[in-house]
Amino acid sequence: MAMGKSVRTMLALAAASGAEVITHDISSAFLWSELDDDMEVYMQLPKLLSEGGVDAPGEYDNCGAGKGHGKCARLRRAIYGLPQSGRLFMQALNKFFYSLNDGADSKCRATVSDRCVYRFEWKGHRLDACCHVDDIISTPSSPEIKEEFERRLRAYFGEDRITGGEPASYVLGMRIDRDRAKKTLTISQGGFVRQLLEKFGIEESRKAKVQPLTAGIRLKAYEGKASEKDKLWYMQAVGNFQWLAITTRPDVAFAAGLLGRHTANPSPEAMVEVIHVLEYLAGTVDLGITYHGRDEVLGMNKNKLIASVDSDLGGCGTSQKSTSGFVVMLNGGAISWKAKRQGVTSVATMQAELYAADLCGMELLLLRDLMGEFGWRQGCVRVMEDNAGCVQVAHGQRDSPKTQHFRRCQMSVEEMCNQGKIWLDDVPGEEN
């Protein structure tokens, strides 16, 4: 499956270029995957009549009861439920995309940054495609290459096996809203949020919270024992928060990460914070990510990555570990973000900030490569950082024996800066 950040990057570029977002679906996709000769997998046959056919569809031999006792068949193709099916279908999909390399005017390759993202070039036109199991999301540069790609897709898999081909209004559960006049593309999950609020009995008219969590909250491990009912309720809620947090709602990423640490034994305080998040969502149901394409809005930052990084110090109430946070923007909207508790305990703000900068830098290395493979090579990416000491250490302007216990992290960030891949910019805290 293509990474979520790859899909969002492609959508952000489509907003700037004005390209359509097209989806295709391959029905019964896994049945296209052939099993290798050395892969022996057998299945029990359905209950059969003596003259052939199936007696009572859906009824199986049931361990020997009825006709067909003891009979089985060797699978030649993958079926749903087989552990190998996903990998085998990806191999079959690769064969299709590489079959597009059939002449000087027709080239196709998978990106190195994400093996489920492809670029198809045909007679001067190009089409970028992200594959998510049996869904193919593409952004063709012209109607001609869209029609050519769809023709080849239907010819390869079968006319009746391919659905879609129209501009998408939903992609992987995300709603897409486009304003052609303003050149904007917005992704959101309002429908999912409404279902979530209904499930947990929260009304949209309820007074909404202005932030996802209570200000300054520090949850600690619960010394009591939560009931199984409370655990199930809590896990269901946090699981939904995490899905939102990795898809279209970076504003709840920190809350989802913090609450997720307490799923094994949630405290009453943690359960109150779950209600707090739900009430916040009730007031921001249709909030999403908007990508822009107008030069007057983006200025010099059109199709350029820009990042912001921060951390707290000792924010975890149990372990006193800090949390790293960053967001990477493209064309006015977020394409990648993370809020992750650090693996070591930082003793100073500068140390916590440097660990966060290193995490952001590693993400930017991947995104720089991905942007280059999409045809937009990136120069030195600006990373906004509000800790002056961290910026000085990263640029080699400050050295001290007090930093020797995290020297490896320091050298990693400094190397990325020296190579011109990222540049930490010291900005005021209110701007970061």
Protein backbone atom coordinates (compact mmCIF):
# COMPACT_ATOMS: atom_id res chain seq x y z
CA MET A 1 0.00 0.00 0.00
CA ALA A 2 1.16 3.52 -0.74
CA MET A 3 2.01 5.56 2.34
CA GLY A 4 -0.51 8.17 3.42
CA LYS A 5 2.12 10.88 3.04
CA SER A 6 2.63 9.82 -0.59
CA VAL A 7 -1.09 10.14 -1.34
CA ARG A 8 -1.26 13.55 0.33
CA THR A 9 1.85 14.74 -1.51
CA MET A 10 0.27 13.75 -4.82
CA LEU A 11 -2.95 15.56 -3.90
CA ALA A 12 -1.04 18.71 -2.90
CA LEU A 13 0.77 18.72 -6.25
CA ALA A 14 -2.54 18.16 -8.05
CA ALA A 15 -3.97 21.23 -6.31
CA ALA A 16 -1.11 23.33 -7.65
CA SER A 17 -1.18 21.94 -11.19
CA GLY A 18 -4.96 21.67 -11.52
CA ALA A 19 -4.75 17.98 -12.45
CA GLU A 20 -7.80 15.78 -11.93
CA VAL A 21 -7.77 13.12 -9.20
CA ILE A 22 -8.98 9.84 -10.74
CA THR A 23 -9.69 6.55 -8.98
CA HIS A 24 -9.95 3.04 -10.40
CA ASP A 25 -10.91 -0.11 -8.54
CA ILE A 26 -9.94 -3.65 -9.53
CA SER A 27 -12.69 -6.08 -8.51
CA SER A 28 -11.70 -9.51 -7.17
CA ALA A 29 -8.16 -8.20 -7.19
CA PHE A 30 -6.44 -11.00 -5.28
CA LEU A 31 -7.69 -13.62 -7.74
CA TRP A 32 -5.25 -12.19 -10.29
CA SER A 33 -2.29 -13.41 -8.25
CA GLU A 34 -0.83 -16.74 -9.33
CA LEU A 35 0.82 -18.95 -6.73
CA ASP A 36 4.39 -20.06 -7.37
CA ASP A 37 4.98 -23.71 -8.29
CA ASP A 38 6.86 -24.32 -5.05
CA MET A 39 4.00 -22.82 -2.97
CA GLU A 40 1.61 -25.65 -2.12
CA VAL A 41 -1.64 -24.50 -0.56
CA TYR A 42 -4.72 -26.72 -0.38
CA MET A 43 -8.33 -25.97 0.52
CA GLN A 44 -11.29 -28.17 1.33
CA LEU A 45 -13.85 -28.33 -1.46
CA PRO A 46 -17.48 -27.28 -1.01
CA LYS A 47 -20.08 -30.04 -0.67
CA LEU A 48 -20.53 -31.34 -4.22
CA LEU A 49 -23.29 -33.21 -6.03
CA SER A 50 -22.40 -36.40 -7.88
CA GLU A 51 -23.07 -34.70 -11.20
CA GLY A 52 -21.13 -31.56 -10.23
CA GLY A 53 -22.32 -28.23 -8.96
CA VAL A 54 -22.75 -26.98 -5.43
CA ASP A 55 -25.41 -28.25 -3.04
CA ALA A 56 -26.72 -25.33 -0.92
CA PRO A 57 -24.23 -22.54 -1.80
CA GLY A 58 -22.20 -21.50 1.18
CA GLU A 59 -22.42 -24.95 2.82
CA TYR A 60 -19.08 -26.73 3.10
CA ASP A 61 -17.95 -30.28 3.73
CA ASN A 62 -17.75 -29.54 7.44
CA CYS A 63 -14.94 -31.97 8.23
CA GLY A 64 -16.30 -34.96 6.29
CA ALA A 65 -20.08 -34.73 6.64
CA GLY A 66 -21.82 -35.32 3.30
CA LYS A 67 -20.59 -35.95 -0.23
CA GLY A 68 -17.07 -34.92 -1.18
CA HIS A 69 -15.68 -36.43 2.01
CA GLY A 70 -11.89 -36.16 2.19
CA LYS A 71 -11.50 -34.21 -1.04
CA CYS A 72 -9.42 -31.07 -1.39
CA ALA A 73 -7.93 -28.99 -4.20
CA ARG A 74 -4.61 -27.27 -4.70
CA LEU A 75 -4.85 -23.52 -5.20
CA ARG A 76 -3.31 -22.09 -8.36
CA ARG A 77 -4.36 -18.53 -7.63
CA ALA A 78 -4.55 -16.52 -4.43
CA ILE A 79 -7.86 -16.06 -2.64
CA TYR A 80 -9.04 -13.62 0.02
CA GLY A 81 -7.91 -14.72 3.47
CA LEU A 82 -4.64 -16.23 2.28
CA PRO A 83 -1.69 -14.56 4.09
CA GLN A 84 0.35 -14.33 0.88
CA SER A 85 -2.42 -12.72 -1.19
CA GLY A 86 -1.45 -9.09 -0.59
CA ARG A 87 2.18 -9.60 -1.57
CA LEU A 88 1.27 -11.71 -4.60
CA PHE A 89 -1.23 -9.11 -5.85
CA MET A 90 1.41 -6.42 -5.50
CA GLN A 91 3.65 -8.51 -7.75
CA ALA A 92 0.81 -8.84 -10.29
CA LEU A 93 0.22 -5.08 -10.15
CA ASN A 94 3.92 -4.48 -10.72
CA LYS A 95 3.75 -6.63 -13.86
CA PHE A 96 0.96 -4.43 -15.20
CA PHE A 97 2.82 -1.18 -14.60
CA TYR A 98 6.05 -2.52 -16.05
CA SER A 99 4.10 -3.73 -19.09
CA LEU A 100 3.57 -0.05 -19.87
CA ASN A 101 7.25 0.12 -20.88
CA ASP A 102 6.58 -0.93 -24.45
CA GLY A 103 8.32 1.72 -26.51
CA ALA A 104 10.34 4.91 -26.61
CA ASP A 105 7.19 6.99 -26.10
CA SER A 106 5.86 4.90 -23.21
CA LYS A 107 7.78 4.56 -19.95
CA CYS A 108 6.73 3.61 -16.43
CA ARG A 109 8.65 3.09 -13.21
CA ALA A 110 8.03 2.71 -9.50
CA THR A 111 9.51 5.36 -7.25
CA VAL A 112 12.34 4.37 -4.94
CA SER A 113 10.84 6.34 -2.06
CA ASP A 114 7.57 4.40 -2.15
CA ARG A 115 7.33 1.18 -4.16
CA CYS A 116 3.55 1.56 -4.47
CA VAL A 117 3.83 4.92 -6.29
CA TYR A 118 4.37 4.90 -10.06
CA ARG A 119 5.07 7.47 -12.77
CA PHE A 120 3.79 6.73 -16.27
CA GLU A 121 5.07 8.87 -19.16
CA TRP A 122 3.52 8.65 -22.63
CA LYS A 123 4.11 10.93 -25.63
CA GLY A 124 5.11 13.89 -23.50
CA HIS A 125 2.29 13.44 -20.98
CA ARG A 126 2.67 12.05 -17.47
CA LEU A 127 0.51 10.32 -14.90
CA ASP A 128 1.35 9.70 -11.24
CA ALA A 129 -0.41 6.80 -9.51
CA CYS A 130 -0.63 5.61 -5.91
CA CYS A 131 -1.83 2.05 -5.29
CA HIS A 132 -3.70 1.14 -2.10
CA VAL A 133 -4.47 -2.59 -2.35
CA ASP A 134 -7.00 -2.70 -5.23
CA ASP A 135 -7.55 1.07 -5.47
CA ILE A 136 -5.45 3.10 -7.91
CA ILE A 137 -5.43 6.88 -7.37
CA SER A 138 -3.95 8.81 -10.28
CA THR A 139 -3.36 12.42 -11.32
CA PRO A 140 -3.01 12.59 -15.12
CA SER A 141 -1.51 15.69 -16.68
CA SER A 142 -3.90 15.52 -19.65
CA PRO A 143 -7.11 13.76 -20.81
CA GLU A 144 -5.07 11.88 -23.44
CA ILE A 145 -2.88 10.01 -20.96
CA LYS A 146 -5.87 9.39 -18.70
CA GLU A 147 -7.67 7.63 -21.55
CA GLU A 148 -4.53 5.71 -22.56
CA PHE A 149 -3.89 4.52 -19.01
CA GLU A 150 -7.49 3.43 -18.56
CA ARG A 151 -7.48 1.62 -21.91
CA ARG A 152 -4.40 -0.36 -20.95
CA LEU A 153 -5.72 -1.06 -17.46
CA ARG A 154 -8.97 -2.50 -18.84
CA ALA A 155 -7.12 -4.46 -21.52
CA TYR A 156 -4.82 -6.06 -18.93
CA PHE A 157 -7.31 -6.92 -16.16
CA GLY A 158 -10.53 -7.15 -18.19
CA GLU A 159 -13.19 -4.63 -19.13
CA ASP A 160 -15.67 -5.85 -16.51
CA ARG A 161 -13.07 -5.96 -13.72
CA ILE A 162 -12.33 -2.22 -13.67
CA THR A 163 -14.66 0.35 -12.15
CA GLY A 164 -14.26 4.08 -11.69
CA GLY A 165 -12.35 6.38 -14.00
CA GLU A 166 -14.20 9.55 -13.02
CA PRO A 167 -12.93 12.49 -10.92
CA ALA A 168 -12.93 11.34 -7.32
CA SER A 169 -15.09 12.79 -4.59
CA TYR A 170 -13.80 10.27 -2.03
CA VAL A 171 -10.35 8.68 -1.79
CA LEU A 172 -9.53 6.05 0.85
CA GLY A 173 -12.28 7.36 3.12
CA MET A 174 -11.26 11.00 2.63
CA ARG A 175 -13.69 13.44 1.09
CA ILE A 176 -12.21 15.64 -1.64
CA ASP A 177 -13.63 19.12 -2.22
CA ARG A 178 -12.21 21.25 -5.03
CA ASP A 179 -12.73 24.93 -5.72
CA ARG A 180 -11.48 25.48 -9.25
CA ALA A 181 -11.85 29.25 -9.03
CA LYS A 182 -9.66 29.49 -5.92
CA LYS A 183 -7.45 26.55 -7.00
CA THR A 184 -7.87 24.71 -3.71
CA LEU A 185 -8.23 21.02 -2.83
CA THR A 186 -9.49 20.05 0.64
CA ILE A 187 -9.46 16.59 2.21
CA SER A 188 -11.62 15.85 5.26
CA GLN A 189 -13.42 13.07 7.12
CA GLY A 190 -16.62 14.77 8.26
CA GLY A 191 -18.73 11.66 7.65
CA PHE A 192 -16.45 9.49 9.77
CA VAL A 193 -16.41 12.07 12.58
CA ARG A 194 -20.22 12.25 12.61
CA GLN A 195 -20.47 8.46 12.87
CA LEU A 196 -17.94 8.56 15.72
CA LEU A 197 -19.90 11.22 17.62
CA GLU A 198 -23.14 9.31 17.14
CA LYS A 199 -21.55 6.10 18.36
CA PHE A 200 -20.36 7.73 21.59
CA GLY A 201 -23.48 9.82 22.14
CA ILE A 202 -21.98 13.25 21.51
CA GLU A 203 -24.19 15.81 19.78
CA GLU A 204 -22.75 18.33 17.33
CA SER A 205 -24.78 21.05 19.04
CA ARG A 206 -22.95 20.37 22.30
CA LYS A 207 -20.64 23.14 23.46
CA ALA A 208 -17.37 22.36 21.75
CA LYS A 209 -13.89 22.54 23.22
CA VAL A 210 -11.38 24.91 21.63
CA GLN A 211 -8.45 22.50 21.89
CA PRO A 212 -8.14 18.69 21.79
CA LEU A 213 -6.88 18.25 25.37
CA THR A 214 -7.10 20.08 28.65
CA ALA A 215 -4.27 22.62 28.79
CA GLY A 216 -1.22 21.32 30.66
CA ILE A 217 -2.63 17.82 31.16
CA ARG A 218 -0.12 15.23 32.45
CA LEU A 219 -1.63 11.77 32.62
CA LYS A 220 0.01 9.24 34.92
CA ALA A 221 -0.26 5.47 35.07
CA TYR A 222 -3.43 4.38 36.87
CA GLU A 223 -2.73 2.51 40.10
CA GLY A 224 -6.24 1.11 40.26
CA LYS A 225 -7.84 -1.34 37.84
CA ALA A 226 -10.21 -0.30 35.08
CA SER A 227 -13.18 -2.52 34.28
CA GLU A 228 -13.24 -4.53 31.06
CA LYS A 229 -16.19 -2.45 29.86
CA ASP A 230 -14.24 0.78 30.40
CA LYS A 231 -11.19 -0.66 28.65
CA LEU A 232 -13.23 -1.63 25.59
CA TRP A 233 -14.95 1.78 25.45
CA TYR A 234 -11.61 3.54 25.81
CA MET A 235 -9.81 1.46 23.19
CA GLN A 236 -12.59 1.93 20.66
CA ALA A 237 -12.50 5.69 21.09
CA VAL A 238 -8.70 6.00 20.96
CA GLY A 239 -8.51 3.69 17.95
CA ASN A 240 -10.83 6.05 16.06
CA PHE A 241 -8.74 9.04 17.14
CA GLN A 242 -5.62 7.36 15.81
CA TRP A 243 -7.23 6.73 12.41
CA LEU A 244 -8.17 10.41 12.17
CA ALA A 245 -4.70 11.44 13.36
CA ILE A 246 -2.86 9.59 10.61
CA THR A 247 -5.22 10.59 7.80
CA THR A 248 -6.55 14.17 7.80
CA ARG A 249 -6.41 15.48 11.37
CA PRO A 250 -2.90 16.40 12.54
CA ASP A 251 -4.53 18.55 15.23
CA VAL A 252 -5.48 15.42 17.22
CA ALA A 253 -2.19 13.55 16.67
CA PHE A 254 -0.73 14.50 20.05
CA ALA A 255 -3.97 13.68 21.86
CA ALA A 256 -4.23 10.28 20.14
CA GLY A 257 -0.62 9.45 21.04
CA LEU A 258 -0.97 10.54 24.65
CA LEU A 259 -4.24 8.70 25.26
CA GLY A 260 -2.97 5.64 23.42
CA ARG A 261 -0.35 5.05 26.12
CA HIS A 262 -3.08 4.22 28.64
CA THR A 263 -5.24 1.71 26.73
CA ALA A 264 -4.13 -1.22 28.91
CA ASN A 265 -5.52 0.40 32.07
CA PRO A 266 -7.20 3.77 31.50
CA SER A 267 -7.62 6.04 34.49
CA PRO A 268 -10.77 8.11 35.16
CA GLU A 269 -8.78 11.21 34.16
CA ALA A 270 -7.85 9.62 30.82
CA MET A 271 -11.49 8.75 30.15
CA VAL A 272 -12.47 12.36 30.85
CA GLU A 273 -9.90 13.45 28.26
CA VAL A 274 -11.50 11.09 25.72
CA ILE A 275 -14.78 12.97 26.21
CA HIS A 276 -12.81 16.20 25.84
CA VAL A 277 -11.46 15.08 22.46
CA LEU A 278 -14.94 14.03 21.32
CA GLU A 279 -16.35 17.43 22.27
CA TYR A 280 -13.51 19.10 20.38
CA LEU A 281 -14.33 17.01 17.31
CA ALA A 282 -18.00 17.97 17.66
CA GLY A 283 -17.01 21.58 17.01
CA THR A 284 -14.61 20.79 14.16
CA VAL A 285 -16.51 18.06 12.30
CA ASP A 286 -15.61 19.17 8.78
CA LEU A 287 -12.13 20.47 9.56
CA GLY A 288 -9.59 19.14 7.08
CA ILE A 289 -6.43 19.97 5.16
CA THR A 290 -6.53 22.48 2.32
CA TYR A 291 -3.91 22.59 -0.42
CA HIS A 292 -3.57 25.74 -2.54
CA GLY A 293 -2.46 26.39 -6.09
CA ARG A 294 -2.59 30.17 -6.52
CA ASP A 295 0.72 32.00 -6.80
CA GLU A 296 -0.55 34.96 -4.78
CA VAL A 297 -1.21 32.64 -1.83
CA LEU A 298 1.93 30.49 -2.01
CA GLY A 299 4.43 33.02 -3.37
CA MET A 300 7.93 31.53 -3.53
CA ASN A 301 6.83 28.43 -1.59
CA LYS A 302 4.86 26.81 -4.40
CA ASN A 303 5.72 23.10 -4.61
CA LYS A 304 8.36 23.57 -1.91
CA LEU A 305 8.55 21.67 1.37
CA ILE A 306 8.62 23.59 4.63
CA ALA A 307 8.63 22.12 8.13
CA SER A 308 8.05 23.10 11.73
CA VAL A 309 9.39 21.16 14.71
CA ASP A 310 8.94 21.36 18.48
CA SER A 311 8.99 19.29 21.65
CA ASP A 312 7.94 19.45 25.26
CA LEU A 313 10.27 18.65 28.13
CA GLY A 314 9.30 15.77 30.37
CA GLY A 315 5.72 15.84 29.13
CA CYS A 316 5.02 12.19 30.00
CA GLY A 317 3.64 12.12 33.54
CA THR A 318 4.87 8.55 34.12
CA SER A 319 8.31 8.32 32.50
CA GLN A 320 9.19 12.05 32.33
CA LYS A 321 10.16 11.53 28.70
CA SER A 322 9.60 14.29 26.17
CA THR A 323 7.45 14.20 23.04
CA SER A 324 8.77 15.12 19.60
CA GLY A 325 6.42 16.81 17.18
CA PHE A 326 6.74 18.04 13.62
CA VAL A 327 4.63 18.91 10.60
CA VAL A 328 5.74 19.13 6.98
CA MET A 329 3.79 21.49 4.72
CA LEU A 330 3.40 21.56 0.95
CA ASN A 331 1.36 24.13 -0.96
CA GLY A 332 -0.23 25.45 2.21
CA GLY A 333 -1.34 22.10 3.71
CA ALA A 334 0.18 19.37 5.85
CA ILE A 335 1.39 16.23 4.08
CA SER A 336 3.27 14.57 6.95
CA TRP A 337 3.26 14.95 10.73
CA LYS A 338 4.07 13.04 13.87
CA ALA A 339 3.81 13.33 17.66
CA LYS A 340 6.00 10.65 19.23
CA ARG A 341 7.33 10.09 22.71
CA GLN A 342 11.11 10.06 22.71
CA GLY A 343 12.99 6.88 23.51
CA VAL A 344 15.34 8.49 26.05
CA THR A 345 14.79 10.90 28.91
CA SER A 346 16.03 14.39 28.03
CA VAL A 347 17.51 16.50 30.84
CA ALA A 348 17.43 19.82 28.98
CA THR A 349 15.13 21.57 26.52
CA MET A 350 17.86 21.78 23.92
CA GLN A 351 18.35 18.00 24.04
CA ALA A 352 14.64 17.32 23.60
CA GLU A 353 14.46 19.82 20.72
CA LEU A 354 17.47 18.25 19.01
CA TYR A 355 15.91 14.78 19.15
CA ALA A 356 12.77 16.25 17.58
CA ALA A 357 14.81 17.98 14.87
CA ASP A 358 16.55 14.69 14.06
CA LEU A 359 13.19 12.90 13.71
CA CYS A 360 11.90 15.66 11.42
CA GLY A 361 15.11 15.64 9.38
CA MET A 362 14.86 11.91 8.68
CA GLU A 363 11.27 12.38 7.47
CA LEU A 364 12.37 15.23 5.20
CA LEU A 365 15.08 13.07 3.61
CA LEU A 366 12.35 10.71 2.41
CA LEU A 367 10.00 13.48 1.29
CA ARG A 368 12.79 15.29 -0.59
CA ASP A 369 13.47 12.12 -2.57
CA LEU A 370 9.76 11.57 -3.20
CA MET A 371 9.29 15.14 -4.44
CA GLY A 372 12.28 14.70 -6.76
CA GLU A 373 10.73 11.57 -8.23
CA PHE A 374 7.48 13.49 -8.76
CA GLY A 375 9.54 15.96 -10.80
CA TRP A 376 10.04 18.68 -8.18
CA ARG A 377 13.60 18.59 -6.89
CA GLN A 378 13.98 20.30 -3.54
CA GLY A 379 16.80 22.49 -2.38
CA CYS A 380 17.57 23.13 1.28
CA VAL A 381 14.32 22.67 3.23
CA ARG A 382 13.56 25.28 5.87
CA VAL A 383 12.78 23.82 9.30
CA MET A 384 11.35 26.29 11.80
CA GLU A 385 12.71 25.78 15.34
CA ASP A 386 12.08 28.01 18.36
CA ASN A 387 15.06 26.93 20.51
CA ALA A 388 18.16 29.04 19.82
CA GLY A 389 20.53 26.56 21.49
CA CYS A 390 19.27 23.71 19.27
CA VAL A 391 19.75 25.84 16.14
CA GLN A 392 23.30 26.78 17.15
CA VAL A 393 24.28 23.19 17.89
CA ALA A 394 22.76 21.97 14.62
CA HIS A 395 24.80 24.47 12.62
CA GLY A 396 28.03 23.75 14.47
CA GLN A 397 28.08 27.19 16.07
CA ARG A 398 28.13 25.86 19.61
CA ASP A 399 29.91 22.95 21.23
CA SER A 400 30.11 21.93 24.85
CA PRO A 401 31.01 18.88 26.97
CA LYS A 402 27.44 19.11 28.27
CA THR A 403 26.15 17.81 24.93
CA GLN A 404 28.40 14.75 24.76
CA HIS A 405 25.69 12.34 25.95
CA PHE A 406 23.62 13.05 22.82
CA ARG A 407 26.50 13.72 20.45
CA ARG A 408 25.35 11.15 17.90
CA CYS A 409 22.00 12.89 17.48
CA GLN A 410 23.79 16.24 17.26
CA MET A 411 26.09 14.97 14.51
CA SER A 412 23.14 13.53 12.57
CA VAL A 413 21.33 16.89 12.46
CA GLU A 414 24.56 18.78 11.79
CA GLU A 415 25.36 16.49 8.86
CA MET A 416 21.95 17.10 7.27
CA CYS A 417 22.51 20.85 7.61
CA ASN A 418 26.07 20.72 6.23
CA GLN A 419 24.91 18.71 3.22
CA GLY A 420 22.35 21.41 2.40
CA LYS A 421 19.36 19.12 2.86
CA ILE A 422 17.73 21.01 5.72
CA TRP A 423 18.27 24.34 7.45
CA LEU A 424 17.09 25.09 10.98
CA ASP A 425 15.68 28.60 11.23
CA ASP A 426 15.38 30.20 14.67
CA VAL A 427 11.86 31.63 14.96
CA PRO A 428 9.83 33.00 17.91
CA GLY A 429 7.82 30.42 19.82
CA GLU A 430 4.46 31.97 18.90
CA GLU A 431 5.28 31.55 15.19
CA ASN A 432 6.24 27.89 15.47
